Amino acid sequence: MKTRVLFAVAALLAMCSCSPQISNNVSRQTETVSDSHPDYAVVHIYRPGGYVSTPYDVYIGSEKVYRSKKYSKKDIRIYKSGPIEIWGETDTKEAIQLDVEVGKDYYVRSDATIGTSDWRPNFTVVEAEVGRGECSRIQEK
C-alpha cells in the first residue's frame, strides 16, 4: 500500500513539473484559416507521448473518431459550423466544447491525467502554431 501511495505521489509530481498548462477554456482557442478546405473544418487530435501510456477512445458527439495512444494523431473533418463536444472516458468522462467554423483548423492535444482509480482523459485546445509543430514530430508506431 505504501509503495502505491509513493508511486502515485511521484507520478503526480512528475506530471506537475513537466506537463503543459492545462486549459479547457474554449474562449482561448486559436485556429488557422485554410484556403485548402473551404467546405469543412479540420480538428487535429493528437497525443505526442508523455508519461502515461493508457489508451482510450475519443468521441465527437456519439461517434468514435480516434483511439488516443502515445505517438498517434488523427485529422477529423467537420462539415458543419457550430459547437462540438470532444470527449473520452476511462474511470470518468472528460469533455471539452469546441466551437468550429468551416474552413478552419483546430488542434486538440489528448493526454491522460491521474484520476481516482485510473488514468483519465484530458483534452487541451492548443494554439495552431504549437499544435502543428507537435503533430509534425509524431511518427506513429
N, C-alpha and C. Protein backbone atom coordinates (compact mmCIF):
# COMPACT_ATOMS: atom_id res chain seq x y z
N MET A 1 0.82 -1.19 0.00
CA MET A 1 0.00 0.00 0.00
C MET A 1 0.86 1.25 0.00
N LYS A 2 1.91 1.23 0.86
CA LYS A 2 2.79 2.39 0.95
C LYS A 2 3.50 2.64 -0.38
N THR A 3 3.88 1.56 -1.08
CA THR A 3 4.53 1.68 -2.37
C THR A 3 3.60 2.32 -3.39
N ARG A 4 2.33 1.93 -3.39
CA ARG A 4 1.36 2.50 -4.32
C ARG A 4 1.19 4.00 -4.09
N VAL A 5 1.11 4.37 -2.83
CA VAL A 5 0.94 5.79 -2.50
C VAL A 5 2.17 6.58 -2.96
N LEU A 6 3.35 6.06 -2.70
CA LEU A 6 4.57 6.74 -3.12
C LEU A 6 4.64 6.84 -4.64
N PHE A 7 4.24 5.77 -5.34
CA PHE A 7 4.24 5.80 -6.80
C PHE A 7 3.26 6.84 -7.31
N ALA A 8 2.07 6.91 -6.72
CA ALA A 8 1.07 7.88 -7.15
C ALA A 8 1.56 9.31 -6.92
N VAL A 9 2.18 9.56 -5.78
CA VAL A 9 2.70 10.89 -5.47
C VAL A 9 3.84 11.24 -6.44
N ALA A 10 4.73 10.29 -6.71
CA ALA A 10 5.84 10.53 -7.64
C ALA A 10 5.32 10.82 -9.04
N ALA A 11 4.32 10.07 -9.46
CA ALA A 11 3.74 10.28 -10.79
C ALA A 11 3.08 11.65 -10.88
N LEU A 12 2.36 12.02 -9.84
CA LEU A 12 1.69 13.32 -9.81
C LEU A 12 2.71 14.46 -9.85
N LEU A 13 3.77 14.33 -9.08
CA LEU A 13 4.81 15.36 -9.08
C LEU A 13 5.50 15.46 -10.44
N ALA A 14 5.73 14.32 -11.07
CA ALA A 14 6.36 14.32 -12.39
C ALA A 14 5.47 15.01 -13.40
N MET A 15 4.17 14.76 -13.33
CA MET A 15 3.23 15.38 -14.25
C MET A 15 3.16 16.89 -14.03
N CYS A 16 3.16 17.30 -12.78
CA CYS A 16 3.06 18.73 -12.48
C CYS A 16 4.29 19.48 -12.92
N SER A 17 5.45 18.85 -12.84
CA SER A 17 6.67 19.56 -13.16
C SER A 17 6.97 19.64 -14.64
N CYS A 18 6.42 18.71 -15.46
CA CYS A 18 6.81 18.73 -16.86
C CYS A 18 5.64 18.80 -17.83
N SER A 19 4.41 18.76 -17.37
CA SER A 19 3.30 18.82 -18.31
C SER A 19 2.91 20.26 -18.59
N PRO A 20 2.35 20.51 -19.78
CA PRO A 20 1.95 21.88 -20.11
C PRO A 20 0.77 22.33 -19.28
N GLN A 21 0.59 23.64 -19.21
CA GLN A 21 -0.56 24.18 -18.51
C GLN A 21 -1.83 23.67 -19.17
N ILE A 22 -2.74 23.14 -18.38
CA ILE A 22 -3.94 22.54 -18.91
C ILE A 22 -5.07 23.56 -18.89
N SER A 23 -5.74 23.67 -20.03
CA SER A 23 -6.84 24.61 -20.13
C SER A 23 -7.92 24.04 -21.01
N ASN A 24 -9.10 23.93 -20.48
CA ASN A 24 -10.25 23.50 -21.27
C ASN A 24 -11.11 24.70 -21.62
N ASN A 25 -10.55 25.90 -21.53
CA ASN A 25 -11.28 27.12 -21.77
C ASN A 25 -11.39 27.36 -23.27
N VAL A 26 -12.56 27.14 -23.82
CA VAL A 26 -12.76 27.24 -25.26
C VAL A 26 -12.62 28.67 -25.75
N SER A 27 -12.89 29.66 -24.93
CA SER A 27 -12.80 31.04 -25.39
C SER A 27 -11.36 31.41 -25.75
N ARG A 28 -10.37 30.66 -25.29
CA ARG A 28 -8.97 30.93 -25.59
C ARG A 28 -8.49 30.15 -26.80
N GLN A 29 -9.39 29.43 -27.47
CA GLN A 29 -8.97 28.61 -28.59
C GLN A 29 -8.42 29.48 -29.72
N THR A 30 -7.46 28.94 -30.42
CA THR A 30 -6.94 29.62 -31.59
C THR A 30 -7.05 28.67 -32.76
N GLU A 31 -7.26 29.22 -33.91
CA GLU A 31 -7.43 28.41 -35.09
C GLU A 31 -6.73 29.09 -36.26
N THR A 32 -6.55 28.34 -37.32
CA THR A 32 -5.98 28.91 -38.52
C THR A 32 -7.00 28.79 -39.64
N VAL A 33 -7.03 29.76 -40.52
CA VAL A 33 -7.91 29.72 -41.68
C VAL A 33 -7.14 29.05 -42.80
N SER A 34 -7.80 28.12 -43.47
CA SER A 34 -7.15 27.38 -44.54
C SER A 34 -7.86 27.60 -45.86
N ASP A 35 -7.09 27.90 -46.89
CA ASP A 35 -7.66 28.02 -48.23
C ASP A 35 -7.85 26.65 -48.87
N SER A 36 -7.20 25.65 -48.33
CA SER A 36 -7.24 24.33 -48.96
C SER A 36 -8.50 23.53 -48.68
N HIS A 37 -9.27 23.90 -47.67
CA HIS A 37 -10.52 23.18 -47.39
C HIS A 37 -11.63 24.14 -46.95
N PRO A 38 -12.21 24.88 -47.90
CA PRO A 38 -13.25 25.85 -47.56
C PRO A 38 -14.60 25.22 -47.20
N ASP A 39 -14.77 23.90 -47.45
CA ASP A 39 -16.06 23.24 -47.22
C ASP A 39 -16.15 22.48 -45.90
N TYR A 40 -15.08 22.44 -45.14
CA TYR A 40 -15.10 21.73 -43.86
C TYR A 40 -14.00 22.27 -42.94
N ALA A 41 -14.19 22.04 -41.66
CA ALA A 41 -13.15 22.35 -40.66
C ALA A 41 -12.36 21.08 -40.41
N VAL A 42 -11.14 21.22 -39.94
CA VAL A 42 -10.34 20.05 -39.57
C VAL A 42 -9.96 20.18 -38.10
N VAL A 43 -10.30 19.14 -37.33
CA VAL A 43 -9.88 19.06 -35.93
C VAL A 43 -8.75 18.04 -35.89
N HIS A 44 -7.56 18.51 -35.57
CA HIS A 44 -6.37 17.66 -35.47
C HIS A 44 -6.28 17.21 -34.02
N ILE A 45 -6.56 15.95 -33.76
CA ILE A 45 -6.46 15.41 -32.40
C ILE A 45 -5.19 14.57 -32.36
N TYR A 46 -4.38 14.78 -31.33
CA TYR A 46 -3.10 14.07 -31.28
C TYR A 46 -2.66 13.83 -29.84
N ARG A 47 -1.80 12.83 -29.70
CA ARG A 47 -1.20 12.53 -28.40
C ARG A 47 0.30 12.37 -28.62
N PRO A 48 1.09 13.35 -28.21
CA PRO A 48 2.50 13.35 -28.53
C PRO A 48 3.36 12.37 -27.75
N GLY A 49 2.86 11.75 -26.77
CA GLY A 49 3.68 10.84 -25.96
C GLY A 49 3.38 11.09 -24.50
N GLY A 50 4.41 11.22 -23.71
CA GLY A 50 4.23 11.53 -22.30
C GLY A 50 4.44 10.33 -21.41
N TYR A 51 4.21 10.52 -20.15
CA TYR A 51 4.48 9.52 -19.13
C TYR A 51 3.47 8.37 -19.15
N VAL A 52 2.20 8.67 -19.38
CA VAL A 52 1.13 7.69 -19.28
C VAL A 52 0.86 7.06 -20.64
N SER A 53 0.78 5.73 -20.66
CA SER A 53 0.53 5.05 -21.93
C SER A 53 -0.89 4.50 -22.04
N THR A 54 -1.74 4.75 -21.06
CA THR A 54 -3.11 4.23 -21.09
C THR A 54 -3.86 4.76 -22.31
N PRO A 55 -4.30 3.87 -23.22
CA PRO A 55 -5.07 4.33 -24.37
C PRO A 55 -6.55 4.48 -24.00
N TYR A 56 -7.26 5.32 -24.76
CA TYR A 56 -8.70 5.46 -24.58
C TYR A 56 -9.32 5.94 -25.88
N ASP A 57 -10.62 5.70 -26.03
CA ASP A 57 -11.34 6.12 -27.23
C ASP A 57 -11.76 7.58 -27.10
N VAL A 58 -11.72 8.29 -28.21
CA VAL A 58 -12.13 9.69 -28.26
C VAL A 58 -13.35 9.78 -29.17
N TYR A 59 -14.32 10.55 -28.71
CA TYR A 59 -15.59 10.71 -29.42
C TYR A 59 -15.84 12.17 -29.75
N ILE A 60 -16.53 12.39 -30.85
CA ILE A 60 -17.12 13.69 -31.14
C ILE A 60 -18.61 13.41 -31.20
N GLY A 61 -19.34 14.00 -30.24
CA GLY A 61 -20.75 13.65 -30.09
C GLY A 61 -20.84 12.19 -29.67
N SER A 62 -21.57 11.37 -30.42
CA SER A 62 -21.69 9.95 -30.08
C SER A 62 -20.84 9.06 -30.98
N GLU A 63 -20.06 9.66 -31.88
CA GLU A 63 -19.26 8.89 -32.83
C GLU A 63 -17.81 8.75 -32.37
N LYS A 64 -17.34 7.50 -32.31
CA LYS A 64 -15.93 7.25 -32.00
C LYS A 64 -15.10 7.67 -33.21
N VAL A 65 -14.10 8.56 -32.98
CA VAL A 65 -13.32 9.08 -34.09
C VAL A 65 -11.83 8.76 -33.99
N TYR A 66 -11.37 8.27 -32.83
CA TYR A 66 -9.92 8.15 -32.64
C TYR A 66 -9.63 7.31 -31.41
N ARG A 67 -8.55 6.54 -31.46
CA ARG A 67 -8.05 5.81 -30.30
C ARG A 67 -6.79 6.54 -29.84
N SER A 68 -6.89 7.23 -28.71
CA SER A 68 -5.78 8.02 -28.19
C SER A 68 -4.77 7.10 -27.53
N LYS A 69 -3.58 7.06 -28.11
CA LYS A 69 -2.46 6.32 -27.53
C LYS A 69 -1.20 7.10 -27.83
N LYS A 70 -0.12 6.81 -27.12
CA LYS A 70 1.11 7.55 -27.29
C LYS A 70 1.55 7.58 -28.75
N TYR A 71 2.03 8.72 -29.19
CA TYR A 71 2.58 8.94 -30.53
C TYR A 71 1.56 8.63 -31.63
N SER A 72 0.36 9.18 -31.48
CA SER A 72 -0.67 8.98 -32.51
C SER A 72 -1.37 10.29 -32.80
N LYS A 73 -2.01 10.34 -33.97
CA LYS A 73 -2.74 11.54 -34.38
C LYS A 73 -3.82 11.16 -35.36
N LYS A 74 -4.83 12.03 -35.46
CA LYS A 74 -5.94 11.81 -36.38
C LYS A 74 -6.52 13.15 -36.76
N ASP A 75 -6.78 13.34 -38.05
CA ASP A 75 -7.43 14.56 -38.55
C ASP A 75 -8.89 14.23 -38.81
N ILE A 76 -9.78 15.00 -38.20
CA ILE A 76 -11.22 14.78 -38.32
C ILE A 76 -11.82 15.94 -39.09
N ARG A 77 -12.57 15.63 -40.12
CA ARG A 77 -13.26 16.66 -40.89
C ARG A 77 -14.65 16.91 -40.31
N ILE A 78 -14.97 18.18 -40.12
CA ILE A 78 -16.27 18.58 -39.60
C ILE A 78 -16.92 19.44 -40.69
N TYR A 79 -18.08 19.03 -41.18
CA TYR A 79 -18.70 19.69 -42.33
C TYR A 79 -19.74 20.75 -41.97
N LYS A 80 -19.92 21.01 -40.68
CA LYS A 80 -20.93 21.98 -40.27
C LYS A 80 -20.35 22.85 -39.16
N SER A 81 -20.50 24.16 -39.28
CA SER A 81 -20.05 25.07 -38.23
C SER A 81 -20.93 24.94 -37.00
N GLY A 82 -20.35 25.18 -35.84
CA GLY A 82 -21.10 25.13 -34.60
C GLY A 82 -20.34 24.40 -33.51
N PRO A 83 -20.95 24.29 -32.34
CA PRO A 83 -20.26 23.65 -31.22
C PRO A 83 -20.23 22.13 -31.37
N ILE A 84 -19.11 21.53 -30.96
CA ILE A 84 -18.98 20.08 -30.90
C ILE A 84 -18.44 19.72 -29.53
N GLU A 85 -18.74 18.52 -29.09
CA GLU A 85 -18.19 18.02 -27.83
C GLU A 85 -17.20 16.92 -28.15
N ILE A 86 -15.98 17.09 -27.67
CA ILE A 86 -14.93 16.07 -27.80
C ILE A 86 -14.77 15.46 -26.42
N TRP A 87 -14.88 14.13 -26.33
CA TRP A 87 -14.81 13.51 -25.02
C TRP A 87 -14.18 12.12 -25.08
N GLY A 88 -13.75 11.68 -23.92
CA GLY A 88 -13.21 10.34 -23.71
C GLY A 88 -13.59 9.89 -22.32
N GLU A 89 -13.48 8.59 -22.09
CA GLU A 89 -13.88 8.07 -20.79
C GLU A 89 -13.02 6.88 -20.40
N THR A 90 -12.50 6.91 -19.18
CA THR A 90 -11.87 5.75 -18.56
C THR A 90 -12.64 5.51 -17.28
N ASP A 91 -12.15 6.03 -16.13
CA ASP A 91 -12.96 5.91 -14.91
C ASP A 91 -13.96 7.05 -14.79
N THR A 92 -13.72 8.14 -15.50
CA THR A 92 -14.67 9.26 -15.56
C THR A 92 -14.69 9.80 -16.98
N LYS A 93 -15.81 10.44 -17.33
CA LYS A 93 -15.92 11.08 -18.64
C LYS A 93 -15.34 12.48 -18.54
N GLU A 94 -14.45 12.80 -19.46
CA GLU A 94 -13.87 14.13 -19.53
C GLU A 94 -14.18 14.68 -20.92
N ALA A 95 -14.61 15.94 -21.01
CA ALA A 95 -15.02 16.50 -22.28
C ALA A 95 -14.64 17.97 -22.39
N ILE A 96 -14.53 18.44 -23.62
CA ILE A 96 -14.39 19.87 -23.90
C ILE A 96 -15.37 20.22 -25.01
N GLN A 97 -15.76 21.47 -25.03
CA GLN A 97 -16.60 22.01 -26.10
C GLN A 97 -15.70 22.81 -27.02
N LEU A 98 -15.92 22.67 -28.32
CA LEU A 98 -15.15 23.40 -29.31
C LEU A 98 -16.13 23.98 -30.31
N ASP A 99 -16.06 25.28 -30.53
CA ASP A 99 -16.94 25.95 -31.48
C ASP A 99 -16.19 26.05 -32.81
N VAL A 100 -16.51 25.17 -33.75
CA VAL A 100 -15.78 25.11 -35.02
C VAL A 100 -16.45 25.94 -36.10
N GLU A 101 -15.63 26.45 -37.00
CA GLU A 101 -16.10 27.16 -38.18
C GLU A 101 -15.52 26.47 -39.40
N VAL A 102 -16.36 26.23 -40.39
CA VAL A 102 -15.93 25.60 -41.63
C VAL A 102 -14.79 26.41 -42.23
N GLY A 103 -13.78 25.72 -42.74
CA GLY A 103 -12.62 26.37 -43.36
C GLY A 103 -11.46 26.60 -42.42
N LYS A 104 -11.59 26.24 -41.14
CA LYS A 104 -10.52 26.48 -40.17
C LYS A 104 -9.96 25.17 -39.64
N ASP A 105 -8.76 25.26 -39.07
CA ASP A 105 -8.08 24.12 -38.45
C ASP A 105 -8.01 24.34 -36.95
N TYR A 106 -8.20 23.28 -36.19
CA TYR A 106 -8.13 23.33 -34.73
C TYR A 106 -7.21 22.20 -34.27
N TYR A 107 -6.45 22.43 -33.21
CA TYR A 107 -5.53 21.43 -32.67
C TYR A 107 -5.92 21.12 -31.23
N VAL A 108 -6.14 19.83 -30.98
CA VAL A 108 -6.54 19.37 -29.65
C VAL A 108 -5.55 18.30 -29.20
N ARG A 109 -4.83 18.60 -28.12
CA ARG A 109 -3.89 17.63 -27.53
C ARG A 109 -4.68 16.72 -26.61
N SER A 110 -4.48 15.44 -26.80
CA SER A 110 -5.14 14.42 -26.00
C SER A 110 -4.09 13.81 -25.07
N ASP A 111 -4.29 13.95 -23.79
CA ASP A 111 -3.35 13.42 -22.80
C ASP A 111 -4.11 12.55 -21.81
N ALA A 112 -3.43 12.11 -20.78
CA ALA A 112 -4.06 11.39 -19.68
C ALA A 112 -3.52 11.97 -18.37
N THR A 113 -4.40 12.11 -17.39
CA THR A 113 -4.01 12.59 -16.07
C THR A 113 -4.51 11.58 -15.04
N ILE A 114 -3.98 11.67 -13.84
CA ILE A 114 -4.37 10.71 -12.82
C ILE A 114 -5.78 11.01 -12.33
N GLY A 115 -6.59 9.94 -12.22
CA GLY A 115 -7.95 10.06 -11.72
C GLY A 115 -8.05 9.41 -10.35
N THR A 116 -9.25 9.03 -9.97
CA THR A 116 -9.45 8.44 -8.65
C THR A 116 -8.90 7.03 -8.56
N SER A 117 -9.10 6.21 -9.61
CA SER A 117 -8.60 4.85 -9.56
C SER A 117 -7.86 4.45 -10.84
N ASP A 118 -7.79 5.34 -11.80
CA ASP A 118 -7.19 5.03 -13.08
C ASP A 118 -6.75 6.35 -13.71
N TRP A 119 -6.10 6.26 -14.84
CA TRP A 119 -5.77 7.47 -15.60
C TRP A 119 -7.01 7.90 -16.35
N ARG A 120 -7.20 9.20 -16.48
CA ARG A 120 -8.40 9.71 -17.16
C ARG A 120 -7.99 10.61 -18.33
N PRO A 121 -8.88 10.74 -19.32
CA PRO A 121 -8.59 11.58 -20.47
C PRO A 121 -8.45 13.04 -20.09
N ASN A 122 -7.66 13.74 -20.86
CA ASN A 122 -7.51 15.18 -20.69
C ASN A 122 -7.31 15.79 -22.07
N PHE A 123 -8.09 16.82 -22.39
CA PHE A 123 -8.02 17.47 -23.69
C PHE A 123 -7.64 18.93 -23.51
N THR A 124 -6.74 19.41 -24.37
CA THR A 124 -6.32 20.79 -24.33
C THR A 124 -6.35 21.35 -25.74
N VAL A 125 -7.06 22.45 -25.94
CA VAL A 125 -7.03 23.15 -27.22
C VAL A 125 -5.76 23.98 -27.22
N VAL A 126 -4.91 23.77 -28.23
CA VAL A 126 -3.63 24.47 -28.26
C VAL A 126 -3.59 25.42 -29.46
N GLU A 127 -2.70 26.39 -29.38
CA GLU A 127 -2.52 27.33 -30.48
C GLU A 127 -2.10 26.57 -31.73
N ALA A 128 -2.53 27.06 -32.87
CA ALA A 128 -2.28 26.37 -34.14
C ALA A 128 -0.79 26.15 -34.38
N GLU A 129 0.03 27.14 -34.10
CA GLU A 129 1.46 27.01 -34.35
C GLU A 129 2.06 25.90 -33.48
N VAL A 130 1.68 25.85 -32.22
CA VAL A 130 2.17 24.82 -31.31
C VAL A 130 1.67 23.44 -31.74
N GLY A 131 0.37 23.34 -32.01
CA GLY A 131 -0.22 22.07 -32.41
C GLY A 131 0.37 21.53 -33.70
N ARG A 132 0.56 22.40 -34.67
CA ARG A 132 1.15 21.99 -35.95
C ARG A 132 2.55 21.41 -35.73
N GLY A 133 3.33 22.08 -34.88
CA GLY A 133 4.69 21.61 -34.59
C GLY A 133 4.68 20.27 -33.86
N GLU A 134 3.82 20.13 -32.85
CA GLU A 134 3.75 18.87 -32.11
C GLU A 134 3.27 17.74 -33.01
N CYS A 135 2.28 18.01 -33.87
CA CYS A 135 1.78 16.97 -34.79
C CYS A 135 2.86 16.54 -35.78
N SER A 136 3.63 17.49 -36.26
CA SER A 136 4.64 17.15 -37.27
C SER A 136 5.75 16.27 -36.71
N ARG A 137 5.97 16.31 -35.39
CA ARG A 137 7.00 15.49 -34.77
C ARG A 137 6.54 14.07 -34.45
N ILE A 138 5.25 13.81 -34.59
CA ILE A 138 4.72 12.48 -34.27
C ILE A 138 4.94 11.55 -35.46
N GLN A 139 5.64 10.49 -35.21
CA GLN A 139 5.78 9.43 -36.20
C GLN A 139 5.14 8.20 -35.60
N GLU A 140 3.94 7.89 -36.05
CA GLU A 140 3.16 6.82 -35.45
C GLU A 140 3.90 5.49 -35.51
N LYS A 141 3.79 4.75 -34.42
CA LYS A 141 4.49 3.46 -34.30
C LYS A 141 3.53 2.33 -34.56
